[in-house]
C-alpha atoms as a PDB file:
ATOM      1  CA  GLY A   1       0.058   0.178   0.346  1.00  0.00           C
ATOM      2  CA  ALA A   2       0.874   3.650  -0.361  1.00  0.00           C
ATOM      3  CA  ASN A   3       1.283   4.171   3.461  1.00  0.00           C
ATOM      4  CA  GLU A   4       3.466   1.114   4.011  1.00  0.00           C
ATOM      5  CA  THR A   5       6.970   1.474   5.557  1.00  0.00           C
ATOM      6  CA  PRO A   6       9.846  -0.120   3.504  1.00  0.00           C
ATOM      7  CA  ASP A   7       9.944  -2.910   6.024  1.00  0.00           C
ATOM      8  CA  GLU A   8       6.076  -3.586   5.684  1.00  0.00           C
ATOM      9  CA  THR A   9       6.429  -3.634   1.868  1.00  0.00           C
ATOM     10  CA  LEU A  10       9.194  -6.005   2.056  1.00  0.00           C
ATOM     11  CA  GLU A  11       7.113  -8.169   4.582  1.00  0.00           C
ATOM     12  CA  ARG A  12       4.103  -8.197   2.407  1.00  0.00           C
ATOM     13  CA  CYS A  13       6.194  -9.133  -0.736  1.00  0.00           C
ATOM     14  CA  LEU A  14       8.026 -11.864   1.056  1.00  0.00           C
ATOM     15  CA  GLY A  15       4.441 -13.141   2.118  1.00  0.00           C
ATOM     16  CA  ILE A  16       3.273 -13.200  -1.631  1.00  0.00           C
ATOM     17  CA  VAL A  17       6.695 -15.315  -2.521  1.00  0.00           C
ATOM     18  CA  ARG A  18       6.055 -17.817   0.368  1.00  0.00           C
ATOM     19  CA  GLU A  19       2.441 -18.225  -0.933  1.00  0.00           C
ATOM     20  CA  LEU A  20       3.548 -18.759  -4.563  1.00  0.00           C
ATOM     21  CA  VAL A  21       6.430 -21.150  -3.738  1.00  0.00           C
ATOM     22  CA  GLU A  22       4.136 -23.245  -1.089  1.00  0.00           C
ATOM     23  CA  ALA A  23       1.209 -23.376  -3.870  1.00  0.00           C
ATOM     24  CA  VAL A  24       3.778 -25.305  -6.188  1.00  0.00           C
ATOM     25  CA  GLY A  25       4.873 -27.857  -3.336  1.00  0.00           C
ATOM     26  CA  GLY A  26       8.013 -25.839  -2.537  1.00  0.00           C
ATOM     27  CA  SER A  27       9.349 -24.511   0.683  1.00  0.00           C
ATOM     28  CA  TYR A  28      10.273 -21.052   1.569  1.00  0.00           C
ATOM     29  CA  ALA A  29      12.575 -19.362   4.444  1.00  0.00           C
ATOM     30  CA  ALA A  30      13.825 -15.979   5.033  1.00  0.00           C
ATOM     31  CA  TRP A  31      15.892 -14.452   7.863  1.00  0.00           C
ATOM     32  CA  THR A  32      18.266 -11.790   8.318  1.00  0.00           C
ATOM     33  CA  HIS A  33      21.929 -12.043   8.692  1.00  0.00           C
ATOM     34  CA  GLY A  34      24.289  -8.939   9.769  1.00  0.00           C
ATOM     35  CA  GLY A  35      21.590  -6.691   8.657  1.00  0.00           C
ATOM     36  CA  GLU A  36      21.147  -8.333   5.370  1.00  0.00           C
ATOM     37  CA  LEU A  37      18.053 -10.459   4.161  1.00  0.00           C
ATOM     38  CA  ALA A  38      18.767 -13.982   3.174  1.00  0.00           C
ATOM     39  CA  THR A  39      16.050 -16.375   1.645  1.00  0.00           C
ATOM     40  CA  THR A  40      16.221 -19.862   0.661  1.00  0.00           C
ATOM     41  CA  ILE A  41      13.476 -21.256  -1.765  1.00  0.00           C
ATOM     42  CA  VAL A  42      13.240 -24.904  -2.647  1.00  0.00           C
ATOM     43  CA  LEU A  43      11.064 -25.993  -5.562  1.00  0.00           C
ATOM     44  CA  PRO A  44      10.142 -29.366  -6.540  1.00  0.00           C
ATOM     45  CA  ALA A  45      11.712 -30.890  -9.823  1.00  0.00           C
ATOM     46  CA  ALA A  46       9.585 -30.935 -12.758  1.00  0.00           C
ATOM     47  CA  ARG A  47       9.566 -34.711 -13.276  1.00  0.00           C
ATOM     48  CA  GLU A  48       9.405 -34.926 -17.057  1.00  0.00           C
ATOM     49  CA  VAL A  49       9.632 -38.314 -18.367  1.00  0.00           C
ATOM     50  CA  PRO A  50      10.646 -38.545 -21.974  1.00  0.00           C
ATOM     51  CA  LEU A  51       9.278 -41.221 -24.392  1.00  0.00           C
ATOM     52  CA  ILE A  52      10.220 -41.914 -28.009  1.00  0.00           C
ATOM     53  CA  VAL A  53       7.378 -43.182 -30.084  1.00  0.00           C
ATOM     54  CA  VAL A  54       8.318 -45.001 -33.325  1.00  0.00           C
ATOM     55  CA  ASP A  55       5.422 -45.325 -35.788  1.00  0.00           C
ATOM     56  CA  ASP A  56       4.864 -44.723 -39.609  1.00  0.00           C
ATOM     57  CA  ASN A  57       1.562 -43.426 -38.753  1.00  0.00           C
ATOM     58  CA  GLN A  58       1.579 -39.966 -37.401  1.00  0.00           C
ATOM     59  CA  ASP A  59      -2.036 -40.257 -36.110  1.00  0.00           C
ATOM     60  CA  VAL A  60      -0.827 -42.631 -33.585  1.00  0.00           C
ATOM     61  CA  ILE A  61       2.004 -40.731 -32.619  1.00  0.00           C
ATOM     62  CA  GLU A  62      -0.433 -37.647 -31.980  1.00  0.00           C
ATOM     63  CA  LEU A  63      -2.887 -40.124 -30.242  1.00  0.00           C
ATOM     64  CA  MET A  64       0.045 -41.007 -27.854  1.00  0.00           C
ATOM     65  CA  GLN A  65       0.819 -37.324 -27.244  1.00  0.00           C
ATOM     66  CA  ARG A  66      -2.911 -36.540 -26.317  1.00  0.00           C
ATOM     67  CA  TYR A  67      -2.878 -39.618 -23.997  1.00  0.00           C
ATOM     68  CA  ALA A  68       0.256 -38.163 -22.329  1.00  0.00           C
ATOM     69  CA  SER A  69      -0.962 -34.691 -21.885  1.00  0.00           C
ATOM     70  CA  ASP A  70      -1.509 -33.781 -18.118  1.00  0.00           C
ATOM     71  CA  THR A  71       1.003 -36.660 -17.069  1.00  0.00           C
ATOM     72  CA  PRO A  72       4.600 -36.427 -16.539  1.00  0.00           C
ATOM     73  CA  TYR A  73       5.232 -38.204 -19.828  1.00  0.00           C
ATOM     74  CA  ARG A  74       6.628 -36.278 -22.849  1.00  0.00           C
ATOM     75  CA  VAL A  75       6.160 -38.172 -26.241  1.00  0.00           C
ATOM     76  CA  TYR A  76       8.659 -37.425 -28.921  1.00  0.00           C
ATOM     77  CA  GLY A  77       7.588 -39.127 -32.054  1.00  0.00           C
ATOM     78  CA  VAL A  78       9.618 -40.322 -35.335  1.00  0.00           C
ATOM     79  CA  THR A  79       8.298 -42.017 -38.247  1.00  0.00           C
ATOM     80  CA  TYR A  80      11.534 -43.308 -39.518  1.00  0.00           C
ATOM     81  CA  ILE A  81      13.507 -45.698 -37.462  1.00  0.00           C
ATOM     82  CA  GLU A  82      16.702 -43.668 -38.626  1.00  0.00           C
ATOM     83  CA  GLU A  83      15.895 -40.760 -36.368  1.00  0.00           C
ATOM     84  CA  VAL A  84      15.581 -42.781 -33.182  1.00  0.00           C
ATOM     85  CA  ALA A  85      19.421 -42.868 -32.106  1.00  0.00           C
ATOM     86  CA  ALA A  86      20.000 -39.010 -32.581  1.00  0.00           C
ATOM     87  CA  LEU A  87      16.491 -38.209 -30.863  1.00  0.00           C
ATOM     88  CA  ALA A  88      17.589 -40.498 -28.063  1.00  0.00           C
ATOM     89  CA  GLN A  89      20.927 -39.005 -27.394  1.00  0.00           C
ATOM     90  CA  ARG A  90      19.077 -35.650 -27.401  1.00  0.00           C
ATOM     91  CA  VAL A  91      16.146 -36.257 -25.058  1.00  0.00           C
ATOM     92  CA  GLY A  92      17.361 -39.239 -23.077  1.00  0.00           C
ATOM     93  CA  PRO A  93      14.075 -41.372 -23.287  1.00  0.00           C
ATOM     94  CA  ARG A  94      12.950 -43.587 -20.416  1.00  0.00           C
ATOM     95  CA  ALA A  95      11.346 -45.804 -22.864  1.00  0.00           C
ATOM     96  CA  VAL A  96      10.689 -46.359 -26.779  1.00  0.00           C
ATOM     97  CA  LEU A  97       7.432 -47.498 -27.894  1.00  0.00           C
ATOM     98  CA  LEU A  98       8.134 -49.313 -31.225  1.00  0.00           C
ATOM     99  CA  ASP A  99       5.651 -50.132 -33.921  1.00  0.00           C
ATOM    100  CA  VAL A 100       6.820 -53.455 -35.539  1.00  0.00           C
ATOM    101  CA  MET A 101       4.494 -53.086 -38.620  1.00  0.00           C
ATOM    102  CA  MET A 102       6.168 -50.343 -40.425  1.00  0.00           C
ATOM    103  CA  PRO A 103       6.795 -50.439 -44.261  1.00  0.00           C
ATOM    104  CA  GLY A 104      10.151 -51.300 -45.717  1.00  0.00           C
ATOM    105  CA  VAL A 105      11.811 -52.306 -42.206  1.00  0.00           C
ATOM    106  CA  GLY A 106      11.411 -55.433 -40.314  1.00  0.00           C
ATOM    107  CA  GLY A 107      10.154 -54.122 -36.754  1.00  0.00           C
ATOM    108  CA  TRP A 108      11.597 -57.278 -34.940  1.00  0.00           C
ATOM    109  CA  GLU A 109      15.049 -56.510 -36.430  1.00  0.00           C
ATOM    110  CA  VAL A 110      14.560 -52.948 -35.506  1.00  0.00           C
ATOM    111  CA  LEU A 111      13.829 -54.089 -31.777  1.00  0.00           C
ATOM    112  CA  GLY A 112      17.243 -55.916 -31.852  1.00  0.00           C
ATOM    113  CA  ARG A 113      19.098 -52.877 -33.236  1.00  0.00           C
ATOM    114  CA  LEU A 114      17.552 -50.824 -30.583  1.00  0.00           C
ATOM    115  CA  LYS A 115      18.787 -53.211 -28.031  1.00  0.00           C
ATOM    116  CA  HIS A 116      22.460 -53.106 -29.330  1.00  0.00           C
ATOM    117  CA  HIS A 117      22.746 -49.451 -30.258  1.00  0.00           C
ATOM    118  CA  PRO A 118      24.881 -47.439 -27.810  1.00  0.00           C
ATOM    119  CA  ALA A 119      22.050 -44.720 -27.650  1.00  0.00           C
ATOM    120  CA  THR A 120      19.246 -46.890 -26.908  1.00  0.00           C
ATOM    121  CA  ARG A 121      20.806 -49.963 -25.581  1.00  0.00           C
ATOM    122  CA  GLY A 122      19.834 -49.375 -21.965  1.00  0.00           C
ATOM    123  CA  VAL A 123      16.370 -48.196 -22.760  1.00  0.00           C
ATOM    124  CA  PRO A 124      13.446 -50.348 -22.300  1.00  0.00           C
ATOM    125  CA  VAL A 125      11.323 -51.095 -25.479  1.00  0.00           C
ATOM    126  CA  ILE A 126       7.437 -51.400 -25.652  1.00  0.00           C
ATOM    127  CA  VAL A 127       6.334 -52.982 -28.707  1.00  0.00           C
ATOM    128  CA  CYS A 128       3.171 -51.563 -29.830  1.00  0.00           C
ATOM    129  CA  THR A 129       1.361 -53.761 -32.733  1.00  0.00           C
ATOM    130  CA  ILE A 130      -1.966 -54.921 -33.859  1.00  0.00           C
ATOM    131  CA  LEU A 131      -0.455 -58.388 -33.777  1.00  0.00           C
ATOM    132  CA  PRO A 132      -1.199 -60.588 -30.719  1.00  0.00           C
ATOM    133  CA  GLU A 133       2.617 -61.383 -30.462  1.00  0.00           C
ATOM    134  CA  ALA A 134       3.235 -60.539 -26.828  1.00  0.00           C
ATOM    135  CA  GLU A 135       5.386 -63.790 -26.294  1.00  0.00           C
ATOM    136  CA  LEU A 136       7.456 -63.443 -29.357  1.00  0.00           C
ATOM    137  CA  ALA A 137       8.058 -59.414 -28.475  1.00  0.00           C
ATOM    138  CA  SER A 138       9.253 -60.736 -25.075  1.00  0.00           C
ATOM    139  CA  SER A 139      11.324 -63.568 -26.550  1.00  0.00           C
ATOM    140  CA  LEU A 140      12.977 -61.089 -29.068  1.00  0.00           C
ATOM    141  CA  GLY A 141      14.049 -58.605 -25.925  1.00  0.00           C
ATOM    142  CA  ALA A 142      10.936 -56.391 -25.563  1.00  0.00           C
ATOM    143  CA  ASP A 143      10.495 -54.981 -22.231  1.00  0.00           C
ATOM    144  CA  GLY A 144       6.804 -54.483 -22.441  1.00  0.00           C
ATOM    145  CA  PHE A 145       3.753 -55.045 -25.158  1.00  0.00           C
ATOM    146  CA  LEU A 146       0.847 -52.932 -25.919  1.00  0.00           C
ATOM    147  CA  GLN A 147      -1.624 -54.340 -28.397  1.00  0.00           C
ATOM    148  CA  LYS A 148      -3.386 -51.813 -30.772  1.00  0.00           C
ATOM    149  CA  PRO A 149      -5.897 -50.479 -30.709  1.00  0.00           C
ATOM    150  CA  PHE A 150      -5.173 -49.388 -27.136  1.00  0.00           C
ATOM    151  CA  THR A 151      -7.019 -46.972 -24.761  1.00  0.00           C
ATOM    152  CA  ARG A 152      -5.423 -44.256 -22.888  1.00  0.00           C
ATOM    153  CA  ASP A 153      -5.622 -46.354 -19.674  1.00  0.00           C
ATOM    154  CA  GLY A 154      -3.817 -49.161 -21.523  1.00  0.00           C
ATOM    155  CA  PHE A 155      -1.252 -46.697 -22.668  1.00  0.00           C
ATOM    156  CA  LEU A 156      -0.480 -45.478 -19.286  1.00  0.00           C
ATOM    157  CA  SER A 157      -0.729 -48.730 -17.592  1.00  0.00           C
ATOM    158  CA  ALA A 158       1.907 -50.192 -19.997  1.00  0.00           C
ATOM    159  CA  LEU A 159       4.114 -47.262 -19.106  1.00  0.00           C
ATOM    160  CA  ALA A 160       3.363 -47.716 -15.392  1.00  0.00           C
ATOM    161  CA  GLN A 161       4.218 -51.242 -15.098  1.00  0.00           C
ATOM    162  CA  LEU A 162       7.472 -50.869 -17.064  1.00  0.00           C
ATOM    163  CA  LEU A 163       8.785 -47.706 -15.659  1.00  0.00           C
ATOM    164  CA  ASP A 164       7.772 -48.531 -11.904  1.00  0.00           C
ATOM    165  CA  ARG A 165      10.057 -51.666 -12.302  1.00  0.00           C
ATOM    166  CA  GLU A 166      12.901 -49.341 -13.609  1.00  0.00           C
ATOM    167  CA  GLU A 167      12.517 -46.917 -10.532  1.00  0.00           C
ATOM    168  CA  PRO A 168      14.911 -47.610  -7.672  1.00  0.00           C
ATOM    169  CA  THR A 169      13.089 -48.538  -4.656  1.00  0.00           C
ATOM    170  CA  PRO A 170      13.510 -45.980  -1.733  1.00  0.00           C
ATOM    171  CA  GLY A 171      14.905 -47.089   1.489  1.00  0.00           C
END
């Protein structure tokens, strides 16, 4: 306000900062030290979980992007397998969702390439296909399986099953 002392203005501003920080789940502390104001603000990390979707159908990529909205998952889509390694080095995916029915390239062979390429070797792969081939996918090294067509719940469930296994357990 117009009639505030400098100390009152500072106090009001620090109160606003505290409210904003606490509203996003952070913590805030302020104190004076030798006549100087000191503050500590701790904000929660934005936990984005990058995923790469490899599918020749852009509509499937966009569907997965919609399914991932309002979740920590961030979907990066590629329609050509040749783009995966460079993208993986850039975004550090937690998982790759691979369509094995792509024109001109054997999806099962691609699964093997992903498992051996330095950029994707340690990244779990979920095979996404219309074929009921969960056992074959597993025997060829897939870490998960998602049969098309799938629902948002199916998509999120497949990711949760895979990535919850990947998370180190606290304690």
